[in-house]
Amino acid sequence: MVSNQEAVDIARPLCLDPQKPSSPLSACKKLVNLEISRESMDDTKLMNSANSVRK
């Protein structure tokens, strides 16, 4: 499981990089891979964290 804060800490820097417009996608992929590596099934938190970063 990835905590909300951990997800934001991972995704925020990638999503706020103006030099890389595909960074939000990279952030999502990184979070998905982390969830998979931890054998987590908590996709709701992942989606909520990704939406939080975009705001």
PDB file of N, CA and C in Angstrom:
ATOM      1  N   MET A   1       0.843  -1.176   0.000  1.00  0.00           N
ATOM      2  CA  MET A   1       0.000   0.000   0.000  1.00  0.00           C
ATOM      3  C   MET A   1       0.889   1.240   0.000  1.00  0.00           C
ATOM      4  N   VAL A   2       0.450   2.249  -0.714  1.00  0.00           N
ATOM      5  CA  VAL A   2       1.146   3.529  -0.769  1.00  0.00           C
ATOM      6  C   VAL A   2       0.278   4.544  -0.028  1.00  0.00           C
ATOM      7  N   SER A   3       0.870   5.241   0.934  1.00  0.00           N
ATOM      8  CA  SER A   3       0.096   6.238   1.671  1.00  0.00           C
ATOM      9  C   SER A   3      -0.209   7.432   0.770  1.00  0.00           C
ATOM     10  N   ASN A   4      -1.205   8.196   1.146  1.00  0.00           N
ATOM     11  CA  ASN A   4      -1.549   9.399   0.371  1.00  0.00           C
ATOM     12  C   ASN A   4      -0.352  10.329   0.262  1.00  0.00           C
ATOM     13  N   GLN A   5       0.345  10.560   1.375  1.00  0.00           N
ATOM     14  CA  GLN A   5       1.479  11.479   1.366  1.00  0.00           C
ATOM     15  C   GLN A   5       2.604  10.949   0.483  1.00  0.00           C
ATOM     16  N   GLU A   6       2.855   9.648   0.556  1.00  0.00           N
ATOM     17  CA  GLU A   6       3.904   9.059  -0.269  1.00  0.00           C
ATOM     18  C   GLU A   6       3.575   9.206  -1.754  1.00  0.00           C
ATOM     19  N   ALA A   7       2.318   9.003  -2.116  1.00  0.00           N
ATOM     20  CA  ALA A   7       1.899   9.150  -3.512  1.00  0.00           C
ATOM     21  C   ALA A   7       2.096  10.580  -3.993  1.00  0.00           C
ATOM     22  N   VAL A   8       1.716  11.536  -3.171  1.00  0.00           N
ATOM     23  CA  VAL A   8       1.888  12.947  -3.543  1.00  0.00           C
ATOM     24  C   VAL A   8       3.370  13.290  -3.630  1.00  0.00           C
ATOM     25  N   ASP A   9       4.167  12.804  -2.691  1.00  0.00           N
ATOM     26  CA  ASP A   9       5.602  13.078  -2.703  1.00  0.00           C
ATOM     27  C   ASP A   9       6.273  12.529  -3.965  1.00  0.00           C
ATOM     28  N   ILE A  10       5.782  11.414  -4.458  1.00  0.00           N
ATOM     29  CA  ILE A  10       6.336  10.817  -5.669  1.00  0.00           C
ATOM     30  C   ILE A  10       5.841  11.554  -6.913  1.00  0.00           C
ATOM     31  N   ALA A  11       4.553  11.842  -6.964  1.00  0.00           N
ATOM     32  CA  ALA A  11       3.951  12.382  -8.180  1.00  0.00           C
ATOM     33  C   ALA A  11       4.131  13.885  -8.366  1.00  0.00           C
ATOM     34  N   ARG A  12       4.072  14.644  -7.298  1.00  0.00           N
ATOM     35  CA  ARG A  12       4.100  16.110  -7.428  1.00  0.00           C
ATOM     36  C   ARG A  12       5.298  16.628  -8.224  1.00  0.00           C
ATOM     37  N   PRO A  13       6.533  16.219  -7.903  1.00  0.00           N
ATOM     38  CA  PRO A  13       7.670  16.752  -8.666  1.00  0.00           C
ATOM     39  C   PRO A  13       7.583  16.422 -10.163  1.00  0.00           C
ATOM     40  N   LEU A  14       7.075  15.252 -10.478  1.00  0.00           N
ATOM     41  CA  LEU A  14       6.960  14.863 -11.883  1.00  0.00           C
ATOM     42  C   LEU A  14       5.867  15.648 -12.595  1.00  0.00           C
ATOM     43  N   CYS A  15       4.776  15.917 -11.902  1.00  0.00           N
ATOM     44  CA  CYS A  15       3.646  16.612 -12.510  1.00  0.00           C
ATOM     45  C   CYS A  15       3.878  18.111 -12.652  1.00  0.00           C
ATOM     46  N   LEU A  16       4.767  18.665 -11.878  1.00  0.00           N
ATOM     47  CA  LEU A  16       4.989  20.108 -11.909  1.00  0.00           C
ATOM     48  C   LEU A  16       6.182  20.508 -12.763  1.00  0.00           C
ATOM     49  N   ASP A  17       6.746  19.583 -13.514  1.00  0.00           N
ATOM     50  CA  ASP A  17       7.899  19.871 -14.363  1.00  0.00           C
ATOM     51  C   ASP A  17       7.426  20.438 -15.704  1.00  0.00           C
ATOM     52  N   PRO A  18       7.555  21.759 -15.922  1.00  0.00           N
ATOM     53  CA  PRO A  18       7.055  22.373 -17.160  1.00  0.00           C
ATOM     54  C   PRO A  18       7.850  21.955 -18.389  1.00  0.00           C
ATOM     55  N   GLN A  19       9.026  21.415 -18.199  1.00  0.00           N
ATOM     56  CA  GLN A  19       9.858  20.990 -19.328  1.00  0.00           C
ATOM     57  C   GLN A  19       9.408  19.650 -19.914  1.00  0.00           C
ATOM     58  N   LYS A  20       8.589  18.919 -19.166  1.00  0.00           N
ATOM     59  CA  LYS A  20       8.157  17.596 -19.608  1.00  0.00           C
ATOM     60  C   LYS A  20       6.640  17.490 -19.525  1.00  0.00           C
ATOM     61  N   PRO A  21       5.951  17.822 -20.616  1.00  0.00           N
ATOM     62  CA  PRO A  21       4.479  17.778 -20.574  1.00  0.00           C
ATOM     63  C   PRO A  21       3.899  16.379 -20.337  1.00  0.00           C
ATOM     64  N   SER A  22       4.673  15.338 -20.584  1.00  0.00           N
ATOM     65  CA  SER A  22       4.168  13.983 -20.346  1.00  0.00           C
ATOM     66  C   SER A  22       4.440  13.512 -18.928  1.00  0.00           C
ATOM     67  N   SER A  23       4.957  14.394 -18.085  1.00  0.00           N
ATOM     68  CA  SER A  23       5.313  14.015 -16.723  1.00  0.00           C
ATOM     69  C   SER A  23       4.155  13.481 -15.889  1.00  0.00           C
ATOM     70  N   PRO A  24       2.921  14.031 -16.016  1.00  0.00           N
ATOM     71  CA  PRO A  24       1.818  13.433 -15.241  1.00  0.00           C
ATOM     72  C   PRO A  24       1.613  11.957 -15.580  1.00  0.00           C
ATOM     73  N   LEU A  25       1.776  11.609 -16.836  1.00  0.00           N
ATOM     74  CA  LEU A  25       1.663  10.203 -17.219  1.00  0.00           C
ATOM     75  C   LEU A  25       2.792   9.396 -16.584  1.00  0.00           C
ATOM     76  N   SER A  26       3.997   9.949 -16.580  1.00  0.00           N
ATOM     77  CA  SER A  26       5.132   9.273 -15.943  1.00  0.00           C
ATOM     78  C   SER A  26       4.877   9.075 -14.452  1.00  0.00           C
ATOM     79  N   ALA A  27       4.300  10.083 -13.824  1.00  0.00           N
ATOM     80  CA  ALA A  27       3.984   9.983 -12.398  1.00  0.00           C
ATOM     81  C   ALA A  27       2.990   8.859 -12.145  1.00  0.00           C
ATOM     82  N   CYS A  28       1.966   8.785 -12.978  1.00  0.00           N
ATOM     83  CA  CYS A  28       0.965   7.722 -12.811  1.00  0.00           C
ATOM     84  C   CYS A  28       1.589   6.347 -13.003  1.00  0.00           C
ATOM     85  N   LYS A  29       2.441   6.226 -14.019  1.00  0.00           N
ATOM     86  CA  LYS A  29       3.099   4.940 -14.254  1.00  0.00           C
ATOM     87  C   LYS A  29       3.980   4.555 -13.072  1.00  0.00           C
ATOM     88  N   LYS A  30       4.688   5.526 -12.526  1.00  0.00           N
ATOM     89  CA  LYS A  30       5.565   5.246 -11.381  1.00  0.00           C
ATOM     90  C   LYS A  30       4.744   4.782 -10.179  1.00  0.00           C
ATOM     91  N   LEU A  31       3.619   5.443  -9.940  1.00  0.00           N
ATOM     92  CA  LEU A  31       2.767   5.056  -8.817  1.00  0.00           C
ATOM     93  C   LEU A  31       2.141   3.685  -9.040  1.00  0.00           C
ATOM     94  N   VAL A  32       1.717   3.415 -10.254  1.00  0.00           N
ATOM     95  CA  VAL A  32       1.138   2.105 -10.552  1.00  0.00           C
ATOM     96  C   VAL A  32       2.185   1.016 -10.337  1.00  0.00           C
ATOM     97  N   ASN A  33       3.384   1.243 -10.830  1.00  0.00           N
ATOM     98  CA  ASN A  33       4.442   0.244 -10.655  1.00  0.00           C
ATOM     99  C   ASN A  33       4.772   0.025  -9.182  1.00  0.00           C
ATOM    100  N   LEU A  34       4.750   1.091  -8.400  1.00  0.00           N
ATOM    101  CA  LEU A  34       5.000   0.958  -6.964  1.00  0.00           C
ATOM    102  C   LEU A  34       3.893   0.140  -6.304  1.00  0.00           C
ATOM    103  N   GLU A  35       2.651   0.440  -6.658  1.00  0.00           N
ATOM    104  CA  GLU A  35       1.519  -0.325  -6.104  1.00  0.00           C
ATOM    105  C   GLU A  35       1.632  -1.800  -6.474  1.00  0.00           C
ATOM    106  N   ILE A  36       1.993  -2.067  -7.720  1.00  0.00           N
ATOM    107  CA  ILE A  36       2.129  -3.455  -8.168  1.00  0.00           C
ATOM    108  C   ILE A  36       3.253  -4.153  -7.408  1.00  0.00           C
ATOM    109  N   SER A  37       4.379  -3.464  -7.243  1.00  0.00           N
ATOM    110  CA  SER A  37       5.513  -4.076  -6.551  1.00  0.00           C
ATOM    111  C   SER A  37       5.176  -4.400  -5.099  1.00  0.00           C
ATOM    112  N   ARG A  38       4.240  -3.645  -4.536  1.00  0.00           N
ATOM    113  CA  ARG A  38       3.821  -3.891  -3.147  1.00  0.00           C
ATOM    114  C   ARG A  38       2.586  -4.782  -3.078  1.00  0.00           C
ATOM    115  N   GLU A  39       2.172  -5.284  -4.234  1.00  0.00           N
ATOM    116  CA  GLU A  39       1.000  -6.162  -4.335  1.00  0.00           C
ATOM    117  C   GLU A  39      -0.236  -5.526  -3.724  1.00  0.00           C
ATOM    118  N   SER A  40      -0.398  -4.239  -3.958  1.00  0.00           N
ATOM    119  CA  SER A  40      -1.544  -3.503  -3.432  1.00  0.00           C
ATOM    120  C   SER A  40      -2.671  -3.481  -4.456  1.00  0.00           C
ATOM    121  N   MET A  41      -3.871  -3.485  -3.971  1.00  0.00           N
ATOM    122  CA  MET A  41      -5.041  -3.415  -4.843  1.00  0.00           C
ATOM    123  C   MET A  41      -5.809  -2.113  -4.606  1.00  0.00           C
ATOM    124  N   ASP A  42      -5.158  -1.128  -4.032  1.00  0.00           N
ATOM    125  CA  ASP A  42      -5.813   0.116  -3.630  1.00  0.00           C
ATOM    126  C   ASP A  42      -5.780   1.144  -4.762  1.00  0.00           C
ATOM    127  N   ASP A  43      -6.495   0.869  -5.853  1.00  0.00           N
ATOM    128  CA  ASP A  43      -6.474   1.767  -7.000  1.00  0.00           C
ATOM    129  C   ASP A  43      -7.226   3.070  -6.734  1.00  0.00           C
ATOM    130  N   THR A  44      -8.154   3.086  -5.797  1.00  0.00           N
ATOM    131  CA  THR A  44      -8.893   4.312  -5.475  1.00  0.00           C
ATOM    132  C   THR A  44      -7.948   5.374  -4.929  1.00  0.00           C
ATOM    133  N   LYS A  45      -7.080   5.000  -4.014  1.00  0.00           N
ATOM    134  CA  LYS A  45      -6.118   5.948  -3.457  1.00  0.00           C
ATOM    135  C   LYS A  45      -5.198   6.471  -4.553  1.00  0.00           C
ATOM    136  N   LEU A  46      -4.784   5.601  -5.438  1.00  0.00           N
ATOM    137  CA  LEU A  46      -3.906   5.995  -6.523  1.00  0.00           C
ATOM    138  C   LEU A  46      -4.568   7.051  -7.395  1.00  0.00           C
ATOM    139  N   MET A  47      -5.822   6.853  -7.745  1.00  0.00           N
ATOM    140  CA  MET A  47      -6.548   7.816  -8.573  1.00  0.00           C
ATOM    141  C   MET A  47      -6.743   9.136  -7.823  1.00  0.00           C
ATOM    142  N   ASN A  48      -7.082   9.076  -6.552  1.00  0.00           N
ATOM    143  CA  ASN A  48      -7.270  10.287  -5.767  1.00  0.00           C
ATOM    144  C   ASN A  48      -5.976  11.067  -5.635  1.00  0.00           C
ATOM    145  N   SER A  49      -4.867  10.361  -5.442  1.00  0.00           N
ATOM    146  CA  SER A  49      -3.580  11.031  -5.312  1.00  0.00           C
ATOM    147  C   SER A  49      -3.193  11.712  -6.605  1.00  0.00           C
ATOM    148  N   ALA A  50      -3.434  11.056  -7.720  1.00  0.00           N
ATOM    149  CA  ALA A  50      -3.111  11.635  -9.023  1.00  0.00           C
ATOM    150  C   ALA A  50      -3.950  12.898  -9.253  1.00  0.00           C
ATOM    151  N   ASN A  51      -5.213  12.877  -8.851  1.00  0.00           N
ATOM    152  CA  ASN A  51      -6.063  14.056  -9.004  1.00  0.00           C
ATOM    153  C   ASN A  51      -5.615  15.179  -8.086  1.00  0.00           C
ATOM    154  N   SER A  52      -5.121  14.865  -6.897  1.00  0.00           N
ATOM    155  CA  SER A  52      -4.659  15.880  -5.960  1.00  0.00           C
ATOM    156  C   SER A  52      -3.462  16.631  -6.510  1.00  0.00           C
ATOM    157  N   VAL A  53      -2.612  15.939  -7.191  1.00  0.00           N
ATOM    158  CA  VAL A  53      -1.398  16.527  -7.718  1.00  0.00           C
ATOM    159  C   VAL A  53      -1.709  17.535  -8.816  1.00  0.00           C
ATOM    160  N   ARG A  54      -2.733  17.269  -9.598  1.00  0.00           N
ATOM    161  CA  ARG A  54      -3.076  18.151 -10.718  1.00  0.00           C
ATOM    162  C   ARG A  54      -3.655  19.485 -10.259  1.00  0.00           C
ATOM    163  N   LYS A  55      -4.146  19.579  -9.055  1.00  0.00           N
ATOM    164  CA  LYS A  55      -4.797  20.809  -8.582  1.00  0.00           C
ATOM    165  C   LYS A  55      -3.806  21.885  -8.239  1.00  0.00           C
TER     166      LYS A  55
END
